[in-house]
Amino acid sequence: MRRKKNHPKNTVMLFLTAIIWGFAFVAQSAGMEYIGPFTFNFFRTLLGGLVLLPVVFAVKHGKKTKQERKMLLLGGVCCGLLLCVATNVQQIGIMSTTVGKTGFLTSAYIVFVPVLGIFFRRKCGWNVWTGVVLALAGMYLLCIGESFVIATGDIYILICAFVFAIHIMAVDYFAPKVDGVSLSCIQFLVCSACSAVLMLAFEEVELAGLKGALGSLLYAGVMSCGVAYTLQILGQKNYNPSIAALILSLESTFSVLGGFIFLGEELSARELGGCVLMFAAIVLTQLPIGKKDR
């Protein structure tokens, strides 16, 4: 089996993804003051798909074979369905838990990804597993207070984290085989269509609510979906999925930083310590541990 290399360019793209996603927690929380979770995700992913459509048609990728078109469609549908479940469950959970806890619990996918990888006969070095422990400790200090009580919202976010782990594995499978931007566009449109069904079945859409949530929707749709998820797919191409998950988990750090910048929340010494542990985990996973890596 070909060993996946961790190119600096991919690392930067995944790091930028984590920044955008982290700030998106603020937008997601603010948007819930005006509209329901399914409505939010319908417009959010619709915007993400529409933003990418011109890019898909503008960039010439050459004529695709029938097999390539089939793989692209299959990948878009699979990733879109997983994204729909993960984001809607997360959006429901964020209504009854804090942004900090949401960031911590969502990032639990860094544990689920290497565990799931075992079933696909993927081995991780000691540095990755040590990085997982450091990252979990860092996120705990960063996002969790003195007491940790599992509420209904927390359970929703944990389910979301598990589905996101499967989504990362799906992207890892399809991204090397198809065009990344097209895959991202299709997954958003699939997610939007499924969210629309849920929206029409369970929620009422009001114009006043949409106006109030417009800023949050624009950021979550254009930046968090259109830009960040595409960077994720491109960044994960031929990249170790366990290390990718660790880098993406930095979104929990930036969710707290987003609260500091936009909501005036101050970082305590405990939270700053969490940031240090998180960055230490990322550096550790990049270190060479074998002769081949050296």
Protein backbone atom coordinates (compact mmCIF):
# COMPACT_ATOMS: atom_id res chain seq x y z
CA MET A 1 0.00 0.00 0.00
CA ARG A 2 1.34 3.45 -0.95
CA ARG A 3 2.34 5.51 2.11
CA LYS A 4 0.62 8.89 2.34
CA LYS A 5 2.94 11.89 2.72
CA ASN A 6 2.11 15.02 4.68
CA HIS A 7 2.97 17.86 2.29
CA PRO A 8 3.31 21.39 3.79
CA LYS A 9 0.78 22.77 1.27
CA ASN A 10 -1.86 20.31 2.48
CA THR A 11 -1.06 21.16 6.10
CA VAL A 12 -1.64 24.87 5.43
CA MET A 13 -4.98 24.18 3.71
CA LEU A 14 -6.18 22.05 6.62
CA PHE A 15 -4.99 24.69 9.11
CA LEU A 16 -6.96 27.40 7.29
CA THR A 17 -9.98 25.09 7.32
CA ALA A 18 -9.74 24.82 11.11
CA ILE A 19 -9.60 28.62 11.46
CA ILE A 20 -12.68 29.19 9.31
CA TRP A 21 -14.65 26.40 11.02
CA GLY A 22 -13.69 27.67 14.47
CA PHE A 23 -15.11 31.12 13.79
CA ALA A 24 -18.17 29.50 12.23
CA PHE A 25 -19.29 28.27 15.69
CA VAL A 26 -20.00 31.90 16.57
CA ALA A 27 -22.06 32.35 13.40
CA GLN A 28 -23.94 29.10 14.02
CA SER A 29 -24.83 30.08 17.57
CA ALA A 30 -25.91 33.57 16.52
CA GLY A 31 -28.03 32.24 13.64
CA MET A 32 -30.07 30.05 16.00
CA GLU A 33 -31.57 33.20 17.53
CA TYR A 34 -33.54 33.79 14.33
CA ILE A 35 -34.15 30.52 12.45
CA GLY A 36 -34.32 26.75 13.04
CA PRO A 37 -31.42 24.30 12.55
CA PHE A 38 -32.74 22.71 9.35
CA THR A 39 -33.46 26.11 7.81
CA PHE A 40 -29.99 27.30 8.75
CA ASN A 41 -28.30 24.28 7.18
CA PHE A 42 -30.46 24.39 4.06
CA PHE A 43 -29.45 27.96 3.21
CA ARG A 44 -25.91 27.48 4.49
CA THR A 45 -25.11 24.49 2.28
CA LEU A 46 -27.10 25.90 -0.65
CA LEU A 47 -24.89 29.01 -0.56
CA GLY A 48 -21.81 26.80 -0.35
CA GLY A 49 -22.86 24.82 -3.42
CA LEU A 50 -23.82 27.91 -5.44
CA VAL A 51 -20.51 29.60 -4.65
CA LEU A 52 -18.63 26.61 -6.05
CA LEU A 53 -20.74 26.11 -9.19
CA PRO A 54 -18.98 28.85 -11.23
CA VAL A 55 -15.60 27.43 -10.19
CA VAL A 56 -16.61 23.93 -11.30
CA PHE A 57 -17.66 25.17 -14.74
CA ALA A 58 -14.80 27.66 -15.13
CA VAL A 59 -11.99 25.20 -14.49
CA LYS A 60 -11.43 22.76 -17.34
CA HIS A 61 -10.78 19.25 -16.05
CA GLY A 62 -10.90 17.41 -19.35
CA LYS A 63 -13.49 14.90 -20.45
CA LYS A 64 -14.36 12.42 -17.71
CA THR A 65 -14.95 8.76 -18.36
CA LYS A 66 -18.20 7.10 -17.38
CA GLN A 67 -16.44 5.46 -14.45
CA GLU A 68 -15.04 8.81 -13.25
CA ARG A 69 -18.47 10.47 -13.45
CA LYS A 70 -20.00 7.56 -11.55
CA MET A 71 -17.32 7.77 -8.83
CA LEU A 72 -17.81 11.56 -8.54
CA LEU A 73 -21.57 11.23 -8.17
CA LEU A 74 -21.25 8.38 -5.67
CA GLY A 75 -18.69 10.34 -3.64
CA GLY A 76 -20.81 13.50 -3.68
CA VAL A 77 -23.93 11.67 -2.53
CA CYS A 78 -22.15 9.69 0.21
CA CYS A 79 -20.27 12.72 1.55
CA GLY A 80 -23.40 14.89 1.24
CA LEU A 81 -25.58 12.50 3.24
CA LEU A 82 -22.95 12.19 5.98
CA LEU A 83 -22.52 15.96 6.03
CA CYS A 84 -26.28 16.43 6.30
CA VAL A 85 -26.53 14.17 9.34
CA ALA A 86 -23.46 15.63 11.06
CA THR A 87 -24.26 19.32 10.55
CA ASN A 88 -27.95 19.08 11.40
CA VAL A 89 -27.31 17.06 14.55
CA GLN A 90 -24.63 19.60 15.50
CA GLN A 91 -26.97 22.50 14.84
CA ILE A 92 -29.64 20.93 17.06
CA GLY A 93 -27.09 20.30 19.80
CA ILE A 94 -25.65 23.80 19.79
CA MET A 95 -29.05 25.16 20.82
CA SER A 96 -28.84 23.45 24.22
CA THR A 97 -25.12 23.54 25.02
CA THR A 98 -22.35 26.14 25.01
CA VAL A 99 -20.13 27.06 22.06
CA GLY A 100 -17.08 25.90 24.05
CA LYS A 101 -18.51 22.47 24.73
CA THR A 102 -19.61 22.20 21.12
CA GLY A 103 -16.06 22.88 19.98
CA PHE A 104 -14.61 20.30 22.37
CA LEU A 105 -17.11 17.53 21.74
CA THR A 106 -17.17 18.01 17.96
CA SER A 107 -13.39 17.66 17.94
CA ALA A 108 -13.73 14.24 19.53
CA TYR A 109 -13.60 12.96 15.93
CA ILE A 110 -9.79 13.03 16.29
CA VAL A 111 -10.22 9.96 18.51
CA PHE A 112 -12.81 8.28 16.29
CA VAL A 113 -10.80 8.63 13.03
CA PRO A 114 -7.75 6.53 14.01
CA VAL A 115 -10.00 4.02 15.76
CA LEU A 116 -12.10 3.67 12.61
CA GLY A 117 -8.88 3.44 10.61
CA ILE A 118 -8.02 0.22 12.44
CA PHE A 119 -10.92 -1.48 10.65
CA PHE A 120 -9.27 -0.48 7.34
CA ARG A 121 -5.90 -1.88 8.46
CA ARG A 122 -4.34 1.56 8.90
CA LYS A 123 -1.67 1.83 11.55
CA CYS A 124 -0.72 4.98 13.44
CA GLY A 125 2.66 5.71 15.00
CA TRP A 126 3.19 6.51 18.67
CA ASN A 127 3.45 10.22 17.84
CA VAL A 128 -0.10 10.29 16.42
CA TRP A 129 -1.60 8.54 19.45
CA THR A 130 0.39 10.78 21.81
CA GLY A 131 -0.85 13.76 19.82
CA VAL A 132 -4.42 12.55 20.26
CA VAL A 133 -3.95 12.46 24.04
CA LEU A 134 -2.35 15.92 24.09
CA ALA A 135 -5.08 17.32 21.84
CA LEU A 136 -7.85 15.91 24.04
CA ALA A 137 -6.18 17.33 27.15
CA GLY A 138 -5.76 20.68 25.43
CA MET A 139 -9.37 20.81 24.29
CA TYR A 140 -10.54 19.88 27.78
CA LEU A 141 -8.61 22.76 29.32
CA LEU A 142 -9.70 25.08 26.54
CA CYS A 143 -13.40 24.34 26.37
CA ILE A 144 -14.57 22.56 29.53
CA GLY A 145 -15.03 24.12 32.94
CA GLU A 146 -14.45 22.59 36.37
CA SER A 147 -17.46 20.26 36.03
CA PHE A 148 -18.35 18.07 33.05
CA VAL A 149 -22.02 17.11 32.88
CA ILE A 150 -23.38 15.25 29.86
CA ALA A 151 -26.57 17.03 28.80
CA THR A 152 -28.89 16.27 25.88
CA GLY A 153 -27.10 18.79 23.71
CA ASP A 154 -23.74 17.17 24.51
CA ILE A 155 -25.04 13.79 23.36
CA TYR A 156 -26.13 15.32 20.04
CA ILE A 157 -22.66 16.80 19.55
CA LEU A 158 -20.96 13.48 20.32
CA ILE A 159 -23.13 11.80 17.68
CA CYS A 160 -22.17 14.61 15.32
CA ALA A 161 -18.46 14.00 16.06
CA PHE A 162 -18.77 10.30 15.23
CA VAL A 163 -20.51 11.05 11.92
CA PHE A 164 -17.88 13.68 11.08
CA ALA A 165 -15.21 11.01 11.63
CA ILE A 166 -16.94 8.80 9.06
CA HIS A 167 -17.19 11.83 6.75
CA ILE A 168 -13.43 12.36 7.02
CA MET A 169 -12.82 8.73 6.12
CA ALA A 170 -15.21 9.05 3.16
CA VAL A 171 -13.39 12.16 1.91
CA ASP A 172 -10.10 10.31 2.34
CA TYR A 173 -11.44 7.55 0.06
CA PHE A 174 -13.01 9.66 -2.68
CA ALA A 175 -10.75 12.76 -2.82
CA PRO A 176 -7.80 11.08 -4.60
CA LYS A 177 -10.13 9.56 -7.21
CA VAL A 178 -12.18 12.62 -8.28
CA ASP A 179 -11.97 16.39 -8.70
CA GLY A 180 -12.03 17.94 -5.22
CA VAL A 181 -14.01 21.10 -6.06
CA SER A 182 -16.69 19.14 -7.91
CA LEU A 183 -16.95 16.67 -5.03
CA SER A 184 -17.35 19.52 -2.57
CA CYS A 185 -20.02 21.22 -4.69
CA ILE A 186 -22.08 18.05 -5.08
CA GLN A 187 -21.93 17.20 -1.38
CA PHE A 188 -23.29 20.65 -0.48
CA LEU A 189 -26.15 20.42 -2.95
CA VAL A 190 -27.05 16.94 -1.65
CA CYS A 191 -26.88 18.16 1.94
CA SER A 192 -28.99 21.21 1.05
CA ALA A 193 -31.67 19.09 -0.66
CA CYS A 194 -31.94 16.76 2.36
CA SER A 195 -32.03 19.70 4.77
CA ALA A 196 -34.79 21.31 2.67
CA VAL A 197 -36.98 18.23 3.18
CA LEU A 198 -36.41 18.40 6.94
CA MET A 199 -37.01 22.15 6.96
CA LEU A 200 -40.36 21.87 5.17
CA ALA A 201 -41.42 18.98 7.41
CA PHE A 202 -40.50 20.41 10.82
CA GLU A 203 -39.99 24.20 10.60
CA GLU A 204 -41.66 27.41 9.47
CA VAL A 205 -39.58 29.84 7.45
CA GLU A 206 -40.16 33.54 8.08
CA LEU A 207 -38.60 36.41 6.11
CA ALA A 208 -37.85 38.41 9.26
CA GLY A 209 -35.89 35.48 10.68
CA LEU A 210 -33.87 35.08 7.49
CA LYS A 211 -32.99 38.79 7.52
CA GLY A 212 -31.81 38.53 11.10
CA ALA A 213 -29.63 35.50 10.34
CA LEU A 214 -28.31 36.85 7.02
CA GLY A 215 -24.80 37.67 8.27
CA SER A 216 -24.42 34.30 9.97
CA LEU A 217 -25.71 32.49 6.89
CA LEU A 218 -23.31 34.31 4.57
CA TYR A 219 -20.27 33.44 6.67
CA ALA A 220 -21.37 29.86 7.32
CA GLY A 221 -22.38 29.35 3.67
CA VAL A 222 -19.62 31.09 1.73
CA MET A 223 -16.65 30.69 4.07
CA SER A 224 -17.39 27.64 6.24
CA CYS A 225 -18.97 25.62 3.41
CA GLY A 226 -17.80 26.98 0.07
CA VAL A 227 -14.22 27.72 1.09
CA ALA A 228 -13.39 25.57 4.13
CA TYR A 229 -14.92 22.24 3.09
CA THR A 230 -13.22 22.56 -0.30
CA LEU A 231 -9.90 23.24 1.45
CA GLN A 232 -10.57 20.14 3.56
CA ILE A 233 -11.09 17.94 0.51
CA LEU A 234 -8.05 19.34 -1.32
CA GLY A 235 -5.93 19.23 1.84
CA GLN A 236 -6.83 15.62 2.62
CA LYS A 237 -5.83 14.45 -0.85
CA ASN A 238 -3.01 11.91 -0.36
CA TYR A 239 -2.69 13.01 3.28
CA ASN A 240 -2.75 10.85 6.44
CA PRO A 241 -6.39 11.03 7.65
CA SER A 242 -5.51 10.71 11.35
CA ILE A 243 -3.12 13.67 11.21
CA ALA A 244 -5.65 15.60 9.10
CA ALA A 245 -8.23 15.05 11.84
CA LEU A 246 -5.83 16.41 14.45
CA ILE A 247 -5.18 19.57 12.46
CA LEU A 248 -8.89 20.06 11.76
CA SER A 249 -9.59 19.67 15.48
CA LEU A 250 -7.92 23.05 16.00
CA GLU A 251 -11.34 24.46 15.17
CA SER A 252 -12.10 24.11 18.90
CA THR A 253 -9.23 26.49 19.66
CA PHE A 254 -10.43 29.03 17.14
CA SER A 255 -14.03 28.73 18.32
CA VAL A 256 -12.89 30.10 21.67
CA LEU A 257 -10.73 32.72 19.95
CA GLY A 258 -13.76 33.70 17.87
CA GLY A 259 -15.72 34.24 21.04
CA PHE A 260 -12.90 36.43 22.36
CA ILE A 261 -12.69 38.53 19.19
CA PHE A 262 -16.40 38.90 18.34
CA LEU A 263 -18.13 38.42 21.69
CA GLY A 264 -15.56 40.00 24.02
CA GLU A 265 -14.89 36.77 25.94
CA GLU A 266 -11.49 36.67 27.67
CA LEU A 267 -9.14 33.67 27.68
CA SER A 268 -8.10 32.41 31.10
CA ALA A 269 -4.71 30.90 31.94
CA ARG A 270 -6.41 27.47 31.77
CA GLU A 271 -7.65 28.14 28.23
CA LEU A 272 -4.27 29.48 27.09
CA GLY A 273 -2.72 26.28 28.41
CA GLY A 274 -5.17 24.35 26.27
CA CYS A 275 -4.04 26.28 23.19
CA VAL A 276 -0.41 25.38 23.93
CA LEU A 277 -1.24 21.68 24.24
CA MET A 278 -3.23 21.75 21.00
CA PHE A 279 -0.37 23.26 19.01
CA ALA A 280 2.08 20.85 20.66
CA ALA A 281 -0.09 17.96 19.44
CA ILE A 282 0.02 19.24 15.87
CA VAL A 283 3.81 19.69 15.93
CA LEU A 284 4.29 16.20 17.40
CA THR A 285 2.32 14.53 14.61
CA GLN A 286 4.57 16.16 12.00
CA LEU A 287 7.82 14.75 13.45
CA PRO A 288 9.56 11.91 11.56
CA ILE A 289 9.52 8.66 13.55
CA GLY A 290 11.00 6.13 11.14
CA LYS A 291 13.84 5.77 8.67
CA LYS A 292 11.51 6.16 5.68
CA ASP A 293 10.10 9.41 7.08
CA ARG A 294 13.59 10.77 7.83
